[in-house]
């Protein structure tokens, strides 16, 4: 979804205006800025003049103490954890990072403070320094997801153009399916992974063949995308027939490279 990874060229109109105002009266400009931000949830979305496909998104952190760095871990950080380094407006408590993104995005993110920036692999880094993670206090849409028994706080990114999700989330007074976990060993890949299997209400091996849905990044799909409850809702509203979902784990704590090696066309996988 990232249009251009050379983020130094991505200019947020909001941040540009702020930096101009700071030149005249820094203290007043900073106080005014945070008062305005406190009225709305971050991150901030801004239109790009003449562009109906992309927005600018800006992450913000207010940090009153001296820190080595603040890093945003999100979909935009793909190869090197340094891609998520926030910039500081000199001699202020304002840290920010802007990206150009496709409209309609829904995602999650979190921050780390005083990150050693090694290992540079984002997945390895976030697992190694999980104790440094903090959620965005300026974003009311907060949650947690679990991987390998480790709980990570996160916040949601919901673009103003994001389509509605009427089947997302748990409903009451409907029939529910069941999710079971299995461990799968691959002799070819020489690794183990968790497999989550969703079966619909009244699932039976005597039933005629079920449709099935195959998803990768299994645990995250269930934790964040709420696959099982979404399928429950769709089935309850007769939007889809009873379906079996197989969620294959690829979100490995060892390395993003391992995931990247499996999910492209890979005969062994």
Protein backbone atom coordinates (compact mmCIF):
# COMPACT_ATOMS: atom_id res chain seq x y z
CA UNK A 1 0.00 0.00 0.00
CA UNK A 2 2.98 2.29 0.30
CA UNK A 3 3.27 4.47 -2.75
CA UNK A 4 6.81 5.67 -2.21
CA UNK A 5 9.20 4.40 0.45
CA UNK A 6 11.44 7.47 0.18
CA UNK A 7 9.50 9.14 2.96
CA UNK A 8 11.71 12.22 3.16
CA UNK A 9 9.89 13.37 0.01
CA UNK A 10 6.45 12.91 1.52
CA UNK A 11 5.25 16.23 2.89
CA UNK A 12 2.30 16.50 5.26
CA UNK A 13 0.54 19.86 4.80
CA UNK A 14 -0.29 19.85 8.51
CA UNK A 15 3.32 19.36 9.55
CA UNK A 16 4.55 21.90 7.01
CA UNK A 17 2.19 24.53 8.43
CA UNK A 18 3.26 23.68 11.97
CA UNK A 19 6.94 24.07 11.18
CA UNK A 20 6.26 27.48 9.65
CA UNK A 21 4.27 28.58 12.72
CA UNK A 22 7.06 27.40 15.03
CA UNK A 23 9.47 29.82 13.38
CA UNK A 24 7.46 32.77 14.75
CA UNK A 25 6.40 31.53 18.19
CA UNK A 26 7.50 28.01 19.07
CA UNK A 27 5.86 27.67 22.49
CA UNK A 28 2.49 28.98 21.37
CA UNK A 29 2.52 26.95 18.16
CA UNK A 30 3.32 23.68 19.97
CA UNK A 31 0.63 24.23 22.63
CA UNK A 32 -1.95 25.09 19.98
CA UNK A 33 -0.98 22.03 17.93
CA UNK A 34 -1.43 19.54 20.79
CA UNK A 35 -4.74 21.09 21.81
CA UNK A 36 -6.04 20.52 18.29
CA UNK A 37 -4.69 16.95 18.14
CA UNK A 38 -6.27 16.02 21.48
CA UNK A 39 -9.71 16.64 19.96
CA UNK A 40 -9.25 13.95 17.29
CA UNK A 41 -7.84 10.44 17.04
CA UNK A 42 -4.45 9.85 15.47
CA UNK A 43 -3.01 9.00 13.03
CA UNK A 44 -3.96 11.99 10.89
CA UNK A 45 -5.25 11.56 7.34
CA UNK A 46 -4.88 14.35 4.79
CA UNK A 47 -6.04 14.66 1.21
CA UNK A 48 -3.53 15.09 -1.61
CA UNK A 49 -4.67 17.76 -4.02
CA UNK A 50 -5.62 16.26 -7.38
CA UNK A 51 -5.12 12.67 -6.17
CA UNK A 52 -8.23 10.52 -5.68
CA UNK A 53 -6.26 7.33 -5.00
CA UNK A 54 -3.85 8.19 -2.19
CA UNK A 55 -3.86 9.99 1.16
CA UNK A 56 -1.10 11.14 3.47
CA UNK A 57 -1.08 9.51 6.89
CA UNK A 58 0.89 10.99 9.79
CA UNK A 59 1.72 9.22 13.05
CA UNK A 60 2.32 11.45 16.07
CA UNK A 61 3.87 10.98 19.50
CA UNK A 62 4.12 13.55 22.27
CA UNK A 63 7.30 12.85 24.25
CA UNK A 64 8.35 15.29 26.96
CA UNK A 65 11.45 13.38 28.08
CA UNK A 66 14.69 12.97 26.18
CA UNK A 67 14.75 9.67 24.29
CA UNK A 68 17.11 8.01 21.82
CA UNK A 69 14.34 7.39 19.31
CA UNK A 70 10.70 6.47 18.75
CA UNK A 71 9.83 3.85 16.14
CA UNK A 72 6.45 3.08 14.61
CA UNK A 73 5.91 -0.57 13.73
CA UNK A 74 3.30 -0.86 10.97
CA UNK A 75 2.61 -2.19 7.47
CA UNK A 76 5.00 0.47 6.14
CA UNK A 77 8.03 -1.03 7.90
CA UNK A 78 8.97 -3.94 5.66
CA UNK A 79 12.73 -4.55 5.54
CA UNK A 80 14.51 -2.44 8.13
CA UNK A 81 13.13 -1.30 11.49
CA UNK A 82 14.71 2.11 10.80
CA UNK A 83 12.01 2.68 8.18
CA UNK A 84 9.70 3.40 11.11
CA UNK A 85 11.86 6.02 12.84
CA UNK A 86 9.85 9.10 13.74
CA UNK A 87 11.32 12.53 13.13
CA UNK A 88 11.48 15.10 15.89
CA UNK A 89 10.76 18.75 15.32
CA UNK A 90 13.86 20.26 16.86
CA UNK A 91 13.59 21.43 20.46
CA UNK A 92 9.94 20.35 20.75
CA UNK A 93 8.07 17.34 22.14
CA UNK A 94 6.63 16.54 18.69
CA UNK A 95 7.66 13.32 16.94
CA UNK A 96 6.04 12.39 13.62
CA UNK A 97 6.23 10.15 10.57
CA UNK A 98 4.30 10.59 7.33
CA UNK A 99 3.58 8.13 4.53
CA UNK A 100 1.59 8.15 1.30
CA UNK A 101 -1.03 5.40 1.36
CA UNK A 102 -3.91 4.02 -0.67
CA UNK A 103 -7.29 5.28 0.44
CA UNK A 104 -9.52 2.85 2.31
CA UNK A 105 -6.79 1.33 4.49
CA UNK A 106 -7.49 -0.60 7.70
CA UNK A 107 -4.40 -1.65 9.63
CA UNK A 108 -2.76 -1.79 13.06
CA UNK A 109 0.40 -0.26 14.51
CA UNK A 110 2.30 0.36 17.73
CA UNK A 111 5.42 2.19 18.91
CA UNK A 112 8.70 1.39 20.62
CA UNK A 113 10.84 3.84 22.56
CA UNK A 114 14.66 3.76 22.78
CA UNK A 115 14.82 0.93 20.27
CA UNK A 116 18.41 -0.36 19.70
CA UNK A 117 17.47 -0.73 15.99
CA UNK A 118 19.15 -4.13 15.84
CA UNK A 119 18.20 -6.64 14.61
CA UNK A 120 17.01 -4.62 11.67
CA UNK A 121 14.43 -7.26 10.62
CA UNK A 122 11.16 -5.71 11.86
CA UNK A 123 9.63 -9.00 13.06
CA UNK A 124 12.76 -10.09 14.90
CA UNK A 125 13.05 -6.63 16.41
CA UNK A 126 9.49 -6.42 17.73
CA UNK A 127 9.73 -9.85 19.37
CA UNK A 128 13.14 -9.12 20.90
CA UNK A 129 12.13 -5.73 22.30
CA UNK A 130 8.48 -6.48 23.13
CA UNK A 131 8.94 -4.80 26.52
CA UNK A 132 9.64 -1.49 24.75
CA UNK A 133 6.30 -1.51 22.91
CA UNK A 134 3.62 1.02 23.80
CA UNK A 135 0.31 1.90 22.20
CA UNK A 136 -0.71 5.32 20.94
CA UNK A 137 -2.32 7.34 23.78
CA UNK A 138 -3.76 9.70 21.15
CA UNK A 139 -5.75 6.88 19.49
CA UNK A 140 -8.85 5.56 21.28
CA UNK A 141 -9.00 2.45 19.07
CA UNK A 142 -6.73 0.24 21.17
CA UNK A 143 -6.46 -3.54 21.37
CA UNK A 144 -4.13 -6.49 21.82
CA UNK A 145 -3.06 -9.44 19.69
CA UNK A 146 -1.22 -12.57 20.78
CA UNK A 147 1.47 -14.56 19.02
CA UNK A 148 3.15 -17.54 20.66
CA UNK A 149 1.68 -16.54 24.00
CA UNK A 150 3.12 -13.01 23.78
CA UNK A 151 0.62 -10.15 24.01
CA UNK A 152 1.22 -7.03 21.95
CA UNK A 153 -0.71 -3.77 22.38
CA UNK A 154 -1.74 -2.07 19.17
CA UNK A 155 -3.95 0.67 17.77
CA UNK A 156 -6.15 0.60 14.71
CA UNK A 157 -5.71 2.65 11.56
CA UNK A 158 -9.07 3.29 9.92
CA UNK A 159 -9.02 5.54 6.88
CA UNK A 160 -11.97 7.93 6.42
CA UNK A 161 -12.52 6.10 3.12
CA UNK A 162 -12.45 2.60 4.64
CA UNK A 163 -15.52 0.59 3.62
CA UNK A 164 -17.92 -0.51 6.37
CA UNK A 165 -17.52 -3.95 7.93
CA UNK A 166 -21.07 -5.03 8.90
CA UNK A 167 -20.03 -8.62 9.60
CA UNK A 168 -16.99 -7.85 11.76
CA UNK A 169 -17.08 -8.55 15.50
CA UNK A 170 -18.95 -10.96 17.74
CA UNK A 171 -22.74 -10.97 17.80
CA UNK A 172 -24.98 -12.38 20.49
CA UNK A 173 -27.81 -14.87 20.02
CA UNK A 174 -26.40 -16.58 16.94
CA UNK A 175 -24.96 -20.04 16.41
CA UNK A 176 -21.19 -20.15 16.72
CA UNK A 177 -18.59 -22.33 15.13
CA UNK A 178 -15.48 -23.72 16.82
CA UNK A 179 -11.76 -22.95 16.44
CA UNK A 180 -9.19 -25.64 17.20
CA UNK A 181 -5.41 -25.39 17.13
CA UNK A 182 -3.05 -27.98 15.69
CA UNK A 183 0.72 -28.18 15.27
CA UNK A 184 1.96 -29.11 11.83
CA UNK A 185 5.51 -30.30 11.12
CA UNK A 186 6.95 -29.99 7.62
CA UNK A 187 9.79 -32.32 6.72
CA UNK A 188 10.31 -30.43 3.47
CA UNK A 189 10.62 -27.01 5.14
CA UNK A 190 12.06 -28.46 8.37
CA UNK A 191 9.86 -26.34 10.62
CA UNK A 192 6.73 -26.42 12.76
CA UNK A 193 3.79 -24.08 12.68
CA UNK A 194 0.39 -23.68 14.24
CA UNK A 195 -2.72 -24.34 12.17
CA UNK A 196 -6.07 -22.94 13.30
CA UNK A 197 -9.17 -24.67 11.95
CA UNK A 198 -12.63 -23.11 12.09
CA UNK A 199 -15.59 -25.43 11.73
CA UNK A 200 -19.17 -24.11 11.52
CA UNK A 201 -21.99 -24.82 13.96
CA UNK A 202 -23.11 -28.48 13.79
CA UNK A 203 -20.08 -29.43 11.71
CA UNK A 204 -20.15 -33.14 10.86
CA UNK A 205 -17.93 -35.45 8.81
CA UNK A 206 -21.19 -36.99 7.52
CA UNK A 207 -22.15 -33.66 5.96
CA UNK A 208 -21.77 -33.19 2.21
CA UNK A 209 -18.39 -31.62 1.32
CA UNK A 210 -17.92 -28.14 2.82
CA UNK A 211 -16.52 -25.16 1.05
CA UNK A 212 -13.24 -24.10 2.66
CA UNK A 213 -11.26 -20.92 3.07
CA UNK A 214 -7.46 -21.00 3.24
CA UNK A 215 -5.73 -18.05 4.98
CA UNK A 216 -2.11 -17.34 5.80
CA UNK A 217 -0.77 -15.43 8.85
CA UNK A 218 -3.30 -17.53 10.73
CA UNK A 219 -3.07 -16.29 14.30
CA UNK A 220 -3.23 -12.64 13.25
CA UNK A 221 -6.26 -13.32 11.08
CA UNK A 222 -8.09 -14.75 14.06
CA UNK A 223 -6.78 -12.19 16.56
CA UNK A 224 -7.26 -9.03 14.47
CA UNK A 225 -9.50 -9.89 11.51
CA UNK A 226 -11.79 -12.00 13.75
CA UNK A 227 -12.22 -14.68 11.09
CA UNK A 228 -14.33 -17.08 13.16
CA UNK A 229 -16.88 -14.50 14.34
CA UNK A 230 -17.04 -12.93 10.85
CA UNK A 231 -17.85 -16.34 9.35
CA UNK A 232 -20.42 -16.96 12.10
CA UNK A 233 -22.13 -13.69 11.17
CA UNK A 234 -22.07 -14.34 7.42
CA UNK A 235 -23.45 -17.85 7.87
CA UNK A 236 -26.15 -16.61 10.26
CA UNK A 237 -27.30 -14.04 7.66
CA UNK A 238 -27.25 -16.68 4.89
CA UNK A 239 -24.64 -14.70 2.97
CA UNK A 240 -22.44 -17.79 2.63
CA UNK A 241 -23.02 -21.53 3.20
CA UNK A 242 -21.37 -23.29 6.17
CA UNK A 243 -17.62 -23.15 5.51
CA UNK A 244 -14.42 -24.56 7.01
CA UNK A 245 -11.54 -22.09 7.40
CA UNK A 246 -7.92 -23.23 7.62
CA UNK A 247 -5.60 -20.55 8.99
CA UNK A 248 -1.92 -21.35 8.39
CA UNK A 249 0.63 -19.54 10.54
CA UNK A 250 3.37 -17.66 8.68
CA UNK A 251 3.94 -14.78 11.08
CA UNK A 252 7.14 -16.25 12.47
CA UNK A 253 8.95 -14.60 15.38
CA UNK A 254 12.27 -15.73 13.91
CA UNK A 255 12.40 -13.73 10.75
CA UNK A 256 10.33 -11.76 8.27
CA UNK A 257 12.61 -13.30 5.64
CA UNK A 258 11.22 -16.75 6.45
CA UNK A 259 7.68 -15.51 5.82
CA UNK A 260 8.79 -13.73 2.66
CA UNK A 261 10.44 -16.94 1.48
CA UNK A 262 7.32 -19.00 1.95
CA UNK A 263 4.46 -16.84 0.69
CA UNK A 264 5.73 -15.91 -2.80
CA UNK A 265 5.36 -18.72 -5.36
CA UNK A 266 7.48 -21.35 -3.61
CA UNK A 267 7.20 -24.98 -4.79
CA UNK A 268 8.41 -26.34 -1.44
CA UNK A 269 5.85 -24.37 0.55
